[in-house]
């Protein structure tokens, strides 16, 4: 991986978990479902698109991949904002 290819800034966000009062955790309703953790440089890979027709309607899915330097704090369930 080249430093020169990492030319996009993305924001890493983790789920905002709050106690539910019964000994567990839940995500709050509204805008604060995720907390911003860091802004990092990333390399954007070419987007993948899949299009299908179902019941007379076109369905499309766009997947974007970004490569960042390895971080030990990133966990499953986090998201990236472009």
C-alpha atoms as a PDB file:
ATOM      1  CA  UNK A   1       0.000   0.000   0.000  1.00  0.00           C
ATOM      2  CA  UNK A   2       1.290   3.366  -0.997  1.00  0.00           C
ATOM      3  CA  UNK A   3       0.932   6.525   1.056  1.00  0.00           C
ATOM      4  CA  UNK A   4       0.237   8.456  -2.150  1.00  0.00           C
ATOM      5  CA  UNK A   5      -2.900   6.378  -2.846  1.00  0.00           C
ATOM      6  CA  UNK A   6      -4.449   7.291   0.502  1.00  0.00           C
ATOM      7  CA  UNK A   7      -5.941  10.574  -0.673  1.00  0.00           C
ATOM      8  CA  UNK A   8      -9.461  10.507   0.851  1.00  0.00           C
ATOM      9  CA  UNK A   9     -10.383  11.407   4.421  1.00  0.00           C
ATOM     10  CA  UNK A  10     -13.017   9.229   6.086  1.00  0.00           C
ATOM     11  CA  UNK A  11     -14.512   9.337   9.571  1.00  0.00           C
ATOM     12  CA  UNK A  12     -14.524   6.118  11.602  1.00  0.00           C
ATOM     13  CA  UNK A  13     -17.598   5.763  13.796  1.00  0.00           C
ATOM     14  CA  UNK A  14     -18.499   3.228  16.479  1.00  0.00           C
ATOM     15  CA  UNK A  15     -21.987   2.364  17.748  1.00  0.00           C
ATOM     16  CA  UNK A  16     -23.123   4.552  20.654  1.00  0.00           C
ATOM     17  CA  UNK A  17     -24.222   2.013  23.276  1.00  0.00           C
ATOM     18  CA  UNK A  18     -26.088   3.171  26.379  1.00  0.00           C
ATOM     19  CA  UNK A  19     -27.279   1.131  29.359  1.00  0.00           C
ATOM     20  CA  UNK A  20     -30.863  -0.090  29.005  1.00  0.00           C
ATOM     21  CA  UNK A  21     -31.554  -0.229  32.758  1.00  0.00           C
ATOM     22  CA  UNK A  22     -31.825  -4.022  32.781  1.00  0.00           C
ATOM     23  CA  UNK A  23     -28.118  -4.841  32.754  1.00  0.00           C
ATOM     24  CA  UNK A  24     -27.712  -4.703  28.985  1.00  0.00           C
ATOM     25  CA  UNK A  25     -26.873  -2.213  26.281  1.00  0.00           C
ATOM     26  CA  UNK A  26     -28.852  -0.621  23.452  1.00  0.00           C
ATOM     27  CA  UNK A  27     -28.405   2.009  20.750  1.00  0.00           C
ATOM     28  CA  UNK A  28     -30.332   5.240  21.288  1.00  0.00           C
ATOM     29  CA  UNK A  29     -32.986   6.494  18.876  1.00  0.00           C
ATOM     30  CA  UNK A  30     -32.269   9.495  16.673  1.00  0.00           C
ATOM     31  CA  UNK A  31     -29.113  11.038  15.277  1.00  0.00           C
ATOM     32  CA  UNK A  32     -26.642   9.837  17.904  1.00  0.00           C
ATOM     33  CA  UNK A  33     -26.571   6.122  17.033  1.00  0.00           C
ATOM     34  CA  UNK A  34     -22.857   6.392  16.176  1.00  0.00           C
ATOM     35  CA  UNK A  35     -19.958   8.270  17.774  1.00  0.00           C
ATOM     36  CA  UNK A  36     -17.098   9.637  15.674  1.00  0.00           C
ATOM     37  CA  UNK A  37     -13.791   8.144  16.805  1.00  0.00           C
ATOM     38  CA  UNK A  38     -11.169   9.293  14.295  1.00  0.00           C
ATOM     39  CA  UNK A  39     -10.604  10.877  10.907  1.00  0.00           C
ATOM     40  CA  UNK A  40      -8.147   8.837   8.836  1.00  0.00           C
ATOM     41  CA  UNK A  41      -6.663   8.817   5.353  1.00  0.00           C
ATOM     42  CA  UNK A  42      -7.997   6.065   3.090  1.00  0.00           C
ATOM     43  CA  UNK A  43      -7.544   4.654  -0.385  1.00  0.00           C
ATOM     44  CA  UNK A  44     -10.860   4.370  -2.249  1.00  0.00           C
ATOM     45  CA  UNK A  45     -11.258   1.271  -4.393  1.00  0.00           C
ATOM     46  CA  UNK A  46     -13.462   1.197  -7.469  1.00  0.00           C
ATOM     47  CA  UNK A  47     -17.151   0.833  -6.443  1.00  0.00           C
ATOM     48  CA  UNK A  48     -18.952  -2.441  -7.210  1.00  0.00           C
ATOM     49  CA  UNK A  49     -22.519  -2.327  -8.492  1.00  0.00           C
ATOM     50  CA  UNK A  50     -25.077  -5.110  -8.753  1.00  0.00           C
ATOM     51  CA  UNK A  51     -28.367  -4.564 -10.539  1.00  0.00           C
ATOM     52  CA  UNK A  52     -31.281  -7.007 -10.693  1.00  0.00           C
ATOM     53  CA  UNK A  53     -34.888  -6.920 -11.747  1.00  0.00           C
ATOM     54  CA  UNK A  54     -37.534  -8.163  -9.333  1.00  0.00           C
ATOM     55  CA  UNK A  55     -41.309  -7.880  -9.706  1.00  0.00           C
ATOM     56  CA  UNK A  56     -41.042  -5.219 -12.376  1.00  0.00           C
ATOM     57  CA  UNK A  57     -38.669  -3.041 -10.340  1.00  0.00           C
ATOM     58  CA  UNK A  58     -34.957  -2.453 -10.772  1.00  0.00           C
ATOM     59  CA  UNK A  59     -32.915  -3.138  -7.625  1.00  0.00           C
ATOM     60  CA  UNK A  60     -29.386  -1.756  -7.341  1.00  0.00           C
ATOM     61  CA  UNK A  61     -26.676  -2.151  -4.736  1.00  0.00           C
ATOM     62  CA  UNK A  62     -23.511  -0.062  -4.576  1.00  0.00           C
ATOM     63  CA  UNK A  63     -20.581  -1.227  -2.461  1.00  0.00           C
ATOM     64  CA  UNK A  64     -17.604   1.027  -1.776  1.00  0.00           C
ATOM     65  CA  UNK A  65     -14.404  -0.253  -0.231  1.00  0.00           C
ATOM     66  CA  UNK A  66     -11.777   1.873   1.479  1.00  0.00           C
ATOM     67  CA  UNK A  67      -8.363   0.742   2.694  1.00  0.00           C
ATOM     68  CA  UNK A  68      -6.867   2.348   5.809  1.00  0.00           C
ATOM     69  CA  UNK A  69      -3.733   1.691   7.829  1.00  0.00           C
ATOM     70  CA  UNK A  70      -4.190  -1.058  10.402  1.00  0.00           C
ATOM     71  CA  UNK A  71      -5.770   0.051  13.680  1.00  0.00           C
ATOM     72  CA  UNK A  72      -6.160  -2.171  16.735  1.00  0.00           C
ATOM     73  CA  UNK A  73      -9.280  -0.364  18.011  1.00  0.00           C
ATOM     74  CA  UNK A  74     -11.585  -0.923  14.988  1.00  0.00           C
ATOM     75  CA  UNK A  75     -14.226  -3.566  15.703  1.00  0.00           C
ATOM     76  CA  UNK A  76     -17.054  -5.297  13.859  1.00  0.00           C
ATOM     77  CA  UNK A  77     -20.100  -3.048  13.630  1.00  0.00           C
ATOM     78  CA  UNK A  78     -18.170   0.184  13.076  1.00  0.00           C
ATOM     79  CA  UNK A  79     -18.859   2.278   9.980  1.00  0.00           C
ATOM     80  CA  UNK A  80     -17.042   4.800   7.825  1.00  0.00           C
ATOM     81  CA  UNK A  81     -18.484   8.134   6.714  1.00  0.00           C
ATOM     82  CA  UNK A  82     -17.094   9.490   3.488  1.00  0.00           C
END
